[in-house]
């Protein structure tokens, strides 16, 4: 079952989705400053996003919706392809390590 998020109609919908990759990083969360609140008066009433620069980062940055730059289709393809290649290299290394460990075991 997919989790459901309800957004009040008068807020409008966020432009970006959770886990979406952007030029600034991966979107981990978002929140809204509704008009008429102190935060909206200070920062502007809109969606704000929490982004992590990359999956190995311990940093988190916050951006207004209009500050986020989406990736082009080619940039997204290249980024995902590079991540797949890196993961495949890691799998190969782990398989080699497993072969060394299990090399002394025989099936009875």
PDB file of N, CA and C in Angstrom:
ATOM      1  N   UNK A   1       0.840  -1.183   0.000  1.00  0.00           N
ATOM      2  CA  UNK A   1       0.000   0.000   0.000  1.00  0.00           C
ATOM      3  C   UNK A   1       0.884   1.245   0.000  1.00  0.00           C
ATOM      4  N   UNK A   2       0.626   2.136  -0.905  1.00  0.00           N
ATOM      5  CA  UNK A   2       1.387   3.371  -1.013  1.00  0.00           C
ATOM      6  C   UNK A   2       0.913   4.368   0.040  1.00  0.00           C
ATOM      7  N   UNK A   3       1.846   5.052   0.707  1.00  0.00           N
ATOM      8  CA  UNK A   3       1.431   6.093   1.651  1.00  0.00           C
ATOM      9  C   UNK A   3       0.772   7.252   0.893  1.00  0.00           C
ATOM     10  N   UNK A   4      -0.160   7.894   1.550  1.00  0.00           N
ATOM     11  CA  UNK A   4      -0.885   9.003   0.937  1.00  0.00           C
ATOM     12  C   UNK A   4      -0.597  10.282   1.714  1.00  0.00           C
ATOM     13  N   UNK A   5      -0.352  11.351   0.985  1.00  0.00           N
ATOM     14  CA  UNK A   5      -0.150  12.658   1.590  1.00  0.00           C
ATOM     15  C   UNK A   5      -1.294  13.555   1.125  1.00  0.00           C
ATOM     16  N   UNK A   6      -1.989  14.147   2.052  1.00  0.00           N
ATOM     17  CA  UNK A   6      -3.077  15.069   1.711  1.00  0.00           C
ATOM     18  C   UNK A   6      -2.565  16.502   1.813  1.00  0.00           C
ATOM     19  N   UNK A   7      -2.816  17.259   0.770  1.00  0.00           N
ATOM     20  CA  UNK A   7      -2.388  18.660   0.726  1.00  0.00           C
ATOM     21  C   UNK A   7      -3.640  19.524   0.606  1.00  0.00           C
ATOM     22  N   UNK A   8      -3.813  20.490   1.495  1.00  0.00           N
ATOM     23  CA  UNK A   8      -4.983  21.373   1.374  1.00  0.00           C
ATOM     24  C   UNK A   8      -5.042  22.016  -0.013  1.00  0.00           C
ATOM     25  N   UNK A   9      -6.229  22.113  -0.562  1.00  0.00           N
ATOM     26  CA  UNK A   9      -6.395  22.634  -1.928  1.00  0.00           C
ATOM     27  C   UNK A   9      -5.852  24.042  -2.097  1.00  0.00           C
ATOM     28  N   UNK A  10      -5.971  24.868  -1.089  1.00  0.00           N
ATOM     29  CA  UNK A  10      -5.531  26.257  -1.234  1.00  0.00           C
ATOM     30  C   UNK A  10      -4.005  26.403  -1.175  1.00  0.00           C
ATOM     31  N   UNK A  11      -3.265  25.317  -0.919  1.00  0.00           N
ATOM     32  CA  UNK A  11      -1.802  25.374  -0.913  1.00  0.00           C
ATOM     33  C   UNK A  11      -1.209  25.216  -2.305  1.00  0.00           C
ATOM     34  N   UNK A  12      -1.883  24.552  -3.189  1.00  0.00           N
ATOM     35  CA  UNK A  12      -1.280  24.215  -4.465  1.00  0.00           C
ATOM     36  C   UNK A  12      -0.374  23.002  -4.274  1.00  0.00           C
ATOM     37  N   UNK A  13       0.049  22.398  -5.350  1.00  0.00           N
ATOM     38  CA  UNK A  13       0.864  21.186  -5.250  1.00  0.00           C
ATOM     39  C   UNK A  13       2.347  21.511  -5.383  1.00  0.00           C
ATOM     40  N   UNK A  14       3.193  20.715  -4.713  1.00  0.00           N
ATOM     41  CA  UNK A  14       4.632  20.942  -4.849  1.00  0.00           C
ATOM     42  C   UNK A  14       5.088  20.620  -6.275  1.00  0.00           C
ATOM     43  N   UNK A  15       6.070  21.337  -6.731  1.00  0.00           N
ATOM     44  CA  UNK A  15       6.594  21.152  -8.088  1.00  0.00           C
ATOM     45  C   UNK A  15       7.491  19.928  -8.179  1.00  0.00           C
ATOM     46  N   UNK A  16       8.139  19.566  -7.072  1.00  0.00           N
ATOM     47  CA  UNK A  16       9.092  18.466  -7.050  1.00  0.00           C
ATOM     48  C   UNK A  16       8.602  17.352  -6.132  1.00  0.00           C
ATOM     49  N   UNK A  17       9.112  16.146  -6.347  1.00  0.00           N
ATOM     50  CA  UNK A  17       8.679  14.974  -5.586  1.00  0.00           C
ATOM     51  C   UNK A  17       9.793  14.484  -4.658  1.00  0.00           C
ATOM     52  N   UNK A  18       9.392  13.731  -3.659  1.00  0.00           N
ATOM     53  CA  UNK A  18      10.373  13.105  -2.773  1.00  0.00           C
ATOM     54  C   UNK A  18      11.279  12.189  -3.593  1.00  0.00           C
ATOM     55  N   UNK A  19      12.549  12.186  -3.260  1.00  0.00           N
ATOM     56  CA  UNK A  19      13.600  11.389  -3.905  1.00  0.00           C
ATOM     57  C   UNK A  19      13.908  11.823  -5.336  1.00  0.00           C
ATOM     58  N   UNK A  20      13.334  12.943  -5.778  1.00  0.00           N
ATOM     59  CA  UNK A  20      13.656  13.437  -7.112  1.00  0.00           C
ATOM     60  C   UNK A  20      15.078  13.978  -7.112  1.00  0.00           C
ATOM     61  N   UNK A  21      15.811  13.674  -8.169  1.00  0.00           N
ATOM     62  CA  UNK A  21      17.179  14.180  -8.316  1.00  0.00           C
ATOM     63  C   UNK A  21      17.125  15.541  -8.999  1.00  0.00           C
ATOM     64  N   UNK A  22      17.913  16.473  -8.485  1.00  0.00           N
ATOM     65  CA  UNK A  22      17.989  17.816  -9.062  1.00  0.00           C
ATOM     66  C   UNK A  22      19.456  18.188  -9.194  1.00  0.00           C
ATOM     67  N   UNK A  23      19.730  19.344  -9.760  1.00  0.00           N
ATOM     68  CA  UNK A  23      21.115  19.799  -9.873  1.00  0.00           C
ATOM     69  C   UNK A  23      21.729  20.055  -8.503  1.00  0.00           C
ATOM     70  N   UNK A  24      20.895  20.326  -7.510  1.00  0.00           N
ATOM     71  CA  UNK A  24      21.388  20.623  -6.164  1.00  0.00           C
ATOM     72  C   UNK A  24      21.438  19.410  -5.261  1.00  0.00           C
ATOM     73  N   UNK A  25      20.857  18.292  -5.688  1.00  0.00           N
ATOM     74  CA  UNK A  25      20.873  17.088  -4.878  1.00  0.00           C
ATOM     75  C   UNK A  25      19.560  16.335  -4.951  1.00  0.00           C
ATOM     76  N   UNK A  26      19.372  15.431  -4.000  1.00  0.00           N
ATOM     77  CA  UNK A  26      18.199  14.576  -3.942  1.00  0.00           C
ATOM     78  C   UNK A  26      17.211  15.154  -2.926  1.00  0.00           C
ATOM     79  N   UNK A  27      15.956  15.254  -3.301  1.00  0.00           N
ATOM     80  CA  UNK A  27      14.941  15.818  -2.405  1.00  0.00           C
ATOM     81  C   UNK A  27      14.549  14.776  -1.361  1.00  0.00           C
ATOM     82  N   UNK A  28      14.788  15.112  -0.094  1.00  0.00           N
ATOM     83  CA  UNK A  28      14.465  14.214   1.011  1.00  0.00           C
ATOM     84  C   UNK A  28      13.177  14.598   1.718  1.00  0.00           C
ATOM     85  N   UNK A  29      12.778  15.843   1.576  1.00  0.00           N
ATOM     86  CA  UNK A  29      11.559  16.278   2.241  1.00  0.00           C
ATOM     87  C   UNK A  29      11.143  17.643   1.735  1.00  0.00           C
ATOM     88  N   UNK A  30       9.926  18.007   2.060  1.00  0.00           N
ATOM     89  CA  UNK A  30       9.452  19.347   1.719  1.00  0.00           C
ATOM     90  C   UNK A  30       8.402  19.775   2.721  1.00  0.00           C
ATOM     91  N   UNK A  31       8.225  21.064   2.814  1.00  0.00           N
ATOM     92  CA  UNK A  31       7.263  21.640   3.739  1.00  0.00           C
ATOM     93  C   UNK A  31       6.750  22.938   3.145  1.00  0.00           C
ATOM     94  N   UNK A  32       5.653  23.424   3.698  1.00  0.00           N
ATOM     95  CA  UNK A  32       4.978  24.578   3.118  1.00  0.00           C
ATOM     96  C   UNK A  32       4.817  25.670   4.162  1.00  0.00           C
ATOM     97  N   UNK A  33       5.088  26.909   3.761  1.00  0.00           N
ATOM     98  CA  UNK A  33       4.822  28.073   4.605  1.00  0.00           C
ATOM     99  C   UNK A  33       3.541  28.716   4.076  1.00  0.00           C
ATOM    100  N   UNK A  34       2.401  28.494   4.744  1.00  0.00           N
ATOM    101  CA  UNK A  34       1.146  29.072   4.249  1.00  0.00           C
ATOM    102  C   UNK A  34       1.122  30.594   4.396  1.00  0.00           C
ATOM    103  N   UNK A  35       0.508  31.240   3.445  1.00  0.00           N
ATOM    104  CA  UNK A  35       0.351  32.697   3.508  1.00  0.00           C
ATOM    105  C   UNK A  35      -0.373  33.071   4.793  1.00  0.00           C
ATOM    106  N   UNK A  36      -0.016  34.215   5.339  1.00  0.00           N
ATOM    107  CA  UNK A  36      -0.643  34.694   6.558  1.00  0.00           C
ATOM    108  C   UNK A  36       0.057  34.237   7.823  1.00  0.00           C
ATOM    109  N   UNK A  37       1.146  33.474   7.664  1.00  0.00           N
ATOM    110  CA  UNK A  37       1.902  33.040   8.838  1.00  0.00           C
ATOM    111  C   UNK A  37       3.180  33.865   8.943  1.00  0.00           C
ATOM    112  N   UNK A  38       3.764  33.863  10.117  1.00  0.00           N
ATOM    113  CA  UNK A  38       4.989  34.631  10.332  1.00  0.00           C
ATOM    114  C   UNK A  38       6.118  34.129   9.431  1.00  0.00           C
ATOM    115  N   UNK A  39       6.242  32.811   9.286  1.00  0.00           N
ATOM    116  CA  UNK A  39       7.297  32.264   8.421  1.00  0.00           C
ATOM    117  C   UNK A  39       7.093  32.663   6.963  1.00  0.00           C
ATOM    118  N   UNK A  40       5.845  32.680   6.510  1.00  0.00           N
ATOM    119  CA  UNK A  40       5.566  33.090   5.131  1.00  0.00           C
ATOM    120  C   UNK A  40       5.896  34.563   4.930  1.00  0.00           C
ATOM    121  N   UNK A  41       5.615  35.386   5.931  1.00  0.00           N
ATOM    122  CA  UNK A  41       5.955  36.798   5.827  1.00  0.00           C
ATOM    123  C   UNK A  41       7.463  37.000   5.783  1.00  0.00           C
ATOM    124  N   UNK A  42       8.179  36.169   6.515  1.00  0.00           N
ATOM    125  CA  UNK A  42       9.634  36.297   6.567  1.00  0.00           C
ATOM    126  C   UNK A  42      10.312  35.686   5.336  1.00  0.00           C
ATOM    127  N   UNK A  43       9.832  34.517   4.895  1.00  0.00           N
ATOM    128  CA  UNK A  43      10.516  33.784   3.826  1.00  0.00           C
ATOM    129  C   UNK A  43       9.712  33.656   2.537  1.00  0.00           C
ATOM    130  N   UNK A  44       8.456  34.052   2.565  1.00  0.00           N
ATOM    131  CA  UNK A  44       7.599  33.891   1.398  1.00  0.00           C
ATOM    132  C   UNK A  44       6.757  32.635   1.531  1.00  0.00           C
ATOM    133  N   UNK A  45       5.493  32.763   1.217  1.00  0.00           N
ATOM    134  CA  UNK A  45       4.591  31.618   1.309  1.00  0.00           C
ATOM    135  C   UNK A  45       4.770  30.714   0.110  1.00  0.00           C
ATOM    136  N   UNK A  46       5.382  29.576   0.315  1.00  0.00           N
ATOM    137  CA  UNK A  46       5.605  28.634  -0.780  1.00  0.00           C
ATOM    138  C   UNK A  46       6.156  27.330  -0.221  1.00  0.00           C
ATOM    139  N   UNK A  47       6.379  26.396  -1.132  1.00  0.00           N
ATOM    140  CA  UNK A  47       7.022  25.139  -0.767  1.00  0.00           C
ATOM    141  C   UNK A  47       8.510  25.360  -0.576  1.00  0.00           C
ATOM    142  N   UNK A  48       9.050  24.664   0.401  1.00  0.00           N
ATOM    143  CA  UNK A  48      10.491  24.663   0.651  1.00  0.00           C
ATOM    144  C   UNK A  48      10.923  23.205   0.686  1.00  0.00           C
ATOM    145  N   UNK A  49      12.134  22.940   0.252  1.00  0.00           N
ATOM    146  CA  UNK A  49      12.602  21.569   0.086  1.00  0.00           C
ATOM    147  C   UNK A  49      13.910  21.339   0.842  1.00  0.00           C
ATOM    148  N   UNK A  50      14.047  20.134   1.390  1.00  0.00           N
ATOM    149  CA  UNK A  50      15.284  19.703   2.035  1.00  0.00           C
ATOM    150  C   UNK A  50      15.991  18.769   1.053  1.00  0.00           C
ATOM    151  N   UNK A  51      17.229  19.137   0.685  1.00  0.00           N
ATOM    152  CA  UNK A  51      17.993  18.353  -0.283  1.00  0.00           C
ATOM    153  C   UNK A  51      19.313  17.897   0.306  1.00  0.00           C
ATOM    154  N   UNK A  52      19.712  16.684  -0.063  1.00  0.00           N
ATOM    155  CA  UNK A  52      21.010  16.136   0.288  1.00  0.00           C
ATOM    156  C   UNK A  52      21.839  16.151  -1.002  1.00  0.00           C
ATOM    157  N   UNK A  53      23.046  16.740  -0.959  1.00  0.00           N
ATOM    158  CA  UNK A  53      23.838  16.878  -2.190  1.00  0.00           C
ATOM    159  C   UNK A  53      24.096  15.558  -2.914  1.00  0.00           C
ATOM    160  N   UNK A  54      24.337  14.482  -2.175  1.00  0.00           N
ATOM    161  CA  UNK A  54      24.511  13.155  -2.763  1.00  0.00           C
ATOM    162  C   UNK A  54      24.205  12.110  -1.706  1.00  0.00           C
ATOM    163  N   UNK A  55      24.094  10.863  -2.123  1.00  0.00           N
ATOM    164  CA  UNK A  55      23.629   9.841  -1.184  1.00  0.00           C
ATOM    165  C   UNK A  55      24.628   9.526  -0.077  1.00  0.00           C
ATOM    166  N   UNK A  56      25.857   9.967  -0.197  1.00  0.00           N
ATOM    167  CA  UNK A  56      26.861   9.722   0.828  1.00  0.00           C
ATOM    168  C   UNK A  56      27.123  10.949   1.701  1.00  0.00           C
ATOM    169  N   UNK A  57      26.333  11.968   1.532  1.00  0.00           N
ATOM    170  CA  UNK A  57      26.532  13.214   2.268  1.00  0.00           C
ATOM    171  C   UNK A  57      25.828  13.175   3.616  1.00  0.00           C
ATOM    172  N   UNK A  58      26.383  13.901   4.562  1.00  0.00           N
ATOM    173  CA  UNK A  58      25.685  14.074   5.835  1.00  0.00           C
ATOM    174  C   UNK A  58      25.158  15.501   5.953  1.00  0.00           C
ATOM    175  N   UNK A  59      25.210  16.244   4.846  1.00  0.00           N
ATOM    176  CA  UNK A  59      24.727  17.618   4.827  1.00  0.00           C
ATOM    177  C   UNK A  59      23.299  17.654   4.284  1.00  0.00           C
ATOM    178  N   UNK A  60      22.557  18.636   4.737  1.00  0.00           N
ATOM    179  CA  UNK A  60      21.202  18.845   4.268  1.00  0.00           C
ATOM    180  C   UNK A  60      21.034  20.340   3.998  1.00  0.00           C
ATOM    181  N   UNK A  61      20.526  20.679   2.812  1.00  0.00           N
ATOM    182  CA  UNK A  61      20.338  22.070   2.436  1.00  0.00           C
ATOM    183  C   UNK A  61      18.858  22.328   2.183  1.00  0.00           C
ATOM    184  N   UNK A  62      18.441  23.557   2.426  1.00  0.00           N
ATOM    185  CA  UNK A  62      17.039  23.930   2.256  1.00  0.00           C
ATOM    186  C   UNK A  62      16.926  24.978   1.152  1.00  0.00           C
ATOM    187  N   UNK A  63      15.977  24.756   0.235  1.00  0.00           N
ATOM    188  CA  UNK A  63      15.785  25.645  -0.906  1.00  0.00           C
ATOM    189  C   UNK A  63      14.310  25.990  -1.056  1.00  0.00           C
ATOM    190  N   UNK A  64      14.061  27.201  -1.540  1.00  0.00           N
ATOM    191  CA  UNK A  64      12.711  27.550  -1.958  1.00  0.00           C
ATOM    192  C   UNK A  64      12.466  26.872  -3.304  1.00  0.00           C
ATOM    193  N   UNK A  65      11.209  26.683  -3.624  1.00  0.00           N
ATOM    194  CA  UNK A  65      10.865  25.973  -4.852  1.00  0.00           C
ATOM    195  C   UNK A  65      11.483  26.619  -6.094  1.00  0.00           C
ATOM    196  N   UNK A  66      11.501  27.945  -6.133  1.00  0.00           N
ATOM    197  CA  UNK A  66      12.025  28.634  -7.319  1.00  0.00           C
ATOM    198  C   UNK A  66      13.550  28.620  -7.389  1.00  0.00           C
ATOM    199  N   UNK A  67      14.231  28.110  -6.372  1.00  0.00           N
ATOM    200  CA  UNK A  67      15.694  28.031  -6.375  1.00  0.00           C
ATOM    201  C   UNK A  67      16.208  26.692  -6.897  1.00  0.00           C
ATOM    202  N   UNK A  68      15.328  25.720  -7.026  1.00  0.00           N
ATOM    203  CA  UNK A  68      15.748  24.370  -7.419  1.00  0.00           C
ATOM    204  C   UNK A  68      15.785  24.260  -8.934  1.00  0.00           C
ATOM    205  N   UNK A  69      16.884  23.674  -9.419  1.00  0.00           N
ATOM    206  CA  UNK A  69      17.054  23.477 -10.850  1.00  0.00           C
ATOM    207  C   UNK A  69      16.919  21.984 -11.154  1.00  0.00           C
ATOM    208  N   UNK A  70      15.889  21.595 -11.930  1.00  0.00           N
ATOM    209  CA  UNK A  70      15.738  20.178 -12.252  1.00  0.00           C
ATOM    210  C   UNK A  70      16.831  19.719 -13.214  1.00  0.00           C
ATOM    211  N   UNK A  71      17.059  18.418 -13.237  1.00  0.00           N
ATOM    212  CA  UNK A  71      18.010  17.844 -14.188  1.00  0.00           C
ATOM    213  C   UNK A  71      17.319  17.657 -15.529  1.00  0.00           C
ATOM    214  N   UNK A  72      18.078  17.809 -16.602  1.00  0.00           N
ATOM    215  CA  UNK A  72      17.541  17.495 -17.924  1.00  0.00           C
ATOM    216  C   UNK A  72      17.440  15.969 -18.029  1.00  0.00           C
ATOM    217  N   UNK A  73      16.737  15.477 -19.018  1.00  0.00           N
ATOM    218  CA  UNK A  73      16.611  14.031 -19.219  1.00  0.00           C
ATOM    219  C   UNK A  73      17.979  13.395 -19.409  1.00  0.00           C
ATOM    220  N   UNK A  74      18.852  14.042 -20.159  1.00  0.00           N
ATOM    221  CA  UNK A  74      20.201  13.500 -20.403  1.00  0.00           C
ATOM    222  C   UNK A  74      21.023  13.495 -19.116  1.00  0.00           C
ATOM    223  N   UNK A  75      20.935  14.566 -18.319  1.00  0.00           N
ATOM    224  CA  UNK A  75      21.673  14.620 -17.053  1.00  0.00           C
ATOM    225  C   UNK A  75      21.182  13.529 -16.099  1.00  0.00           C
ATOM    226  N   UNK A  76      19.878  13.344 -16.047  1.00  0.00           N
ATOM    227  CA  UNK A  76      19.311  12.318 -15.184  1.00  0.00           C
ATOM    228  C   UNK A  76      19.748  10.931 -15.643  1.00  0.00           C
ATOM    229  N   UNK A  77      19.709  10.681 -16.945  1.00  0.00           N
ATOM    230  CA  UNK A  77      20.152   9.407 -17.495  1.00  0.00           C
ATOM    231  C   UNK A  77      21.614   9.149 -17.142  1.00  0.00           C
ATOM    232  N   UNK A  78      22.466  10.153 -17.335  1.00  0.00           N
ATOM    233  CA  UNK A  78      23.897  10.000 -17.045  1.00  0.00           C
ATOM    234  C   UNK A  78      24.150   9.729 -15.567  1.00  0.00           C
ATOM    235  N   UNK A  79      23.436  10.439 -14.713  1.00  0.00           N
ATOM    236  CA  UNK A  79      23.620  10.279 -13.271  1.00  0.00           C
ATOM    237  C   UNK A  79      23.189   8.884 -12.810  1.00  0.00           C
ATOM    238  N   UNK A  80      22.060   8.428 -13.290  1.00  0.00           N
ATOM    239  CA  UNK A  80      21.572   7.103 -12.900  1.00  0.00           C
ATOM    240  C   UNK A  80      22.474   6.011 -13.472  1.00  0.00           C
ATOM    241  N   UNK A  81      22.908   6.168 -14.714  1.00  0.00           N
ATOM    242  CA  UNK A  81      23.804   5.188 -15.334  1.00  0.00           C
ATOM    243  C   UNK A  81      25.114   5.082 -14.560  1.00  0.00           C
ATOM    244  N   UNK A  82      25.677   6.206 -14.165  1.00  0.00           N
ATOM    245  CA  UNK A  82      26.925   6.205 -13.394  1.00  0.00           C
ATOM    246  C   UNK A  82      26.725   5.514 -12.052  1.00  0.00           C
ATOM    247  N   UNK A  83      25.586   5.750 -11.415  1.00  0.00           N
ATOM    248  CA  UNK A  83      25.315   5.113 -10.123  1.00  0.00           C
ATOM    249  C   UNK A  83      25.144   3.604 -10.286  1.00  0.00           C
ATOM    250  N   UNK A  84      24.495   3.170 -11.352  1.00  0.00           N
ATOM    251  CA  UNK A  84      24.340   1.735 -11.624  1.00  0.00           C
ATOM    252  C   UNK A  84      25.706   1.093 -11.836  1.00  0.00           C
ATOM    253  N   UNK A  85      26.570   1.747 -12.624  1.00  0.00           N
ATOM    254  CA  UNK A  85      27.913   1.205 -12.879  1.00  0.00           C
ATOM    255  C   UNK A  85      28.707   1.075 -11.583  1.00  0.00           C
ATOM    256  N   UNK A  86      28.626   2.073 -10.722  1.00  0.00           N
ATOM    257  CA  UNK A  86      29.324   2.025  -9.440  1.00  0.00           C
ATOM    258  C   UNK A  86      28.778   0.886  -8.580  1.00  0.00           C
ATOM    259  N   UNK A  87      27.467   0.742  -8.544  1.00  0.00           N
ATOM    260  CA  UNK A  87      26.857  -0.338  -7.766  1.00  0.00           C
ATOM    261  C   UNK A  87      27.253  -1.707  -8.322  1.00  0.00           C
ATOM    262  N   UNK A  88      27.330  -1.826  -9.649  1.00  0.00           N
ATOM    263  CA  UNK A  88      27.740  -3.098 -10.254  1.00  0.00           C
ATOM    264  C   UNK A  88      29.186  -3.438  -9.898  1.00  0.00           C
ATOM    265  N   UNK A  89      30.049  -2.414  -9.833  1.00  0.00           N
ATOM    266  CA  UNK A  89      31.437  -2.648  -9.411  1.00  0.00           C
ATOM    267  C   UNK A  89      31.475  -3.137  -7.967  1.00  0.00           C
ATOM    268  N   UNK A  90      30.647  -2.545  -7.122  1.00  0.00           N
ATOM    269  CA  UNK A  90      30.590  -2.966  -5.727  1.00  0.00           C
ATOM    270  C   UNK A  90      30.089  -4.412  -5.610  1.00  0.00           C
ATOM    271  N   UNK A  91      29.124  -4.785  -6.423  1.00  0.00           N
ATOM    272  CA  UNK A  91      28.616  -6.154  -6.416  1.00  0.00           C
ATOM    273  C   UNK A  91      29.714  -7.121  -6.828  1.00  0.00           C
ATOM    274  N   UNK A  92      30.469  -6.777  -7.854  1.00  0.00           N
ATOM    275  CA  UNK A  92      31.570  -7.629  -8.305  1.00  0.00           C
ATOM    276  C   UNK A  92      32.603  -7.826  -7.196  1.00  0.00           C
ATOM    277  N   UNK A  93      32.948  -6.766  -6.518  1.00  0.00           N
ATOM    278  CA  UNK A  93      33.912  -6.847  -5.410  1.00  0.00           C
ATOM    279  C   UNK A  93      33.364  -7.749  -4.302  1.00  0.00           C
ATOM    280  N   UNK A  94      32.107  -7.572  -3.951  1.00  0.00           N
ATOM    281  CA  UNK A  94      31.503  -8.395  -2.907  1.00  0.00           C
ATOM    282  C   UNK A  94      31.427  -9.859  -3.323  1.00  0.00           C
ATOM    283  N   UNK A  95      31.137 -10.132  -4.597  1.00  0.00           N
ATOM    284  CA  UNK A  95      31.097 -11.510  -5.086  1.00  0.00           C
ATOM    285  C   UNK A  95      32.478 -12.152  -4.995  1.00  0.00           C
ATOM    286  N   UNK A  96      33.524 -11.374  -5.308  1.00  0.00           N
ATOM    287  CA  UNK A  96      34.889 -11.885  -5.204  1.00  0.00           C
ATOM    288  C   UNK A  96      35.242 -12.190  -3.749  1.00  0.00           C
ATOM    289  N   UNK A  97      34.852 -11.306  -2.843  1.00  0.00           N
ATOM    290  CA  UNK A  97      35.106 -11.535  -1.423  1.00  0.00           C
ATOM    291  C   UNK A  97      34.356 -12.763  -0.930  1.00  0.00           C
ATOM    292  N   UNK A  98      33.129 -12.927  -1.384  1.00  0.00           N
ATOM    293  CA  UNK A  98      32.325 -14.082  -0.996  1.00  0.00           C
ATOM    294  C   UNK A  98      32.948 -15.368  -1.507  1.00  0.00           C
ATOM    295  N   UNK A  99      33.478 -15.324  -2.726  1.00  0.00           N
ATOM    296  CA  UNK A  99      34.122 -16.510  -3.298  1.00  0.00           C
ATOM    297  C   UNK A  99      35.324 -16.914  -2.485  1.00  0.00           C
ATOM    298  N   UNK A 100      36.095 -15.932  -1.988  1.00  0.00           N
ATOM    299  CA  UNK A 100      37.258 -16.242  -1.143  1.00  0.00           C
ATOM    300  C   UNK A 100      36.804 -16.884   0.159  1.00  0.00           C
ATOM    301  N   UNK A 101      35.768 -16.327   0.759  1.00  0.00           N
ATOM    302  CA  UNK A 101      35.269 -16.827   2.033  1.00  0.00           C
ATOM    303  C   UNK A 101      34.690 -18.243   1.867  1.00  0.00           C
ATOM    304  N   UNK A 102      33.936 -18.452   0.816  1.00  0.00           N
ATOM    305  CA  UNK A 102      33.279 -19.757   0.624  1.00  0.00           C
ATOM    306  C   UNK A 102      34.176 -20.757  -0.093  1.00  0.00           C
ATOM    307  N   UNK A 103      35.348 -20.349  -0.515  1.00  0.00           N
ATOM    308  CA  UNK A 103      36.271 -21.247  -1.236  1.00  0.00           C
ATOM    309  C   UNK A 103      36.680 -22.447  -0.390  1.00  0.00           C
ATOM    310  N   UNK A 104      36.726 -22.297   0.907  1.00  0.00           N
ATOM    311  CA  UNK A 104      37.121 -23.396   1.784  1.00  0.00           C
ATOM    312  C   UNK A 104      35.968 -24.316   2.130  1.00  0.00           C
ATOM    313  N   UNK A 105      34.745 -23.924   1.768  1.00  0.00           N
ATOM    314  CA  UNK A 105      33.572 -24.736   2.078  1.00  0.00           C
ATOM    315  C   UNK A 105      33.219 -25.591   0.871  1.00  0.00           C
ATOM    316  N   UNK A 106      32.784 -26.785   1.130  1.00  0.00           N
ATOM    317  CA  UNK A 106      32.322 -27.644   0.041  1.00  0.00           C
ATOM    318  C   UNK A 106      30.894 -28.063   0.340  1.00  0.00           C
ATOM    319  N   UNK A 107      30.151 -28.262  -0.701  1.00  0.00           N
ATOM    320  CA  UNK A 107      28.767 -28.731  -0.516  1.00  0.00           C
ATOM    321  C   UNK A 107      28.791 -30.226  -0.294  1.00  0.00           C
ATOM    322  N   UNK A 108      28.099 -30.698   0.720  1.00  0.00           N
ATOM    323  CA  UNK A 108      28.089 -32.124   1.038  1.00  0.00           C
ATOM    324  C   UNK A 108      26.976 -32.834   0.334  1.00  0.00           C
TER     325      UNK A 108
END
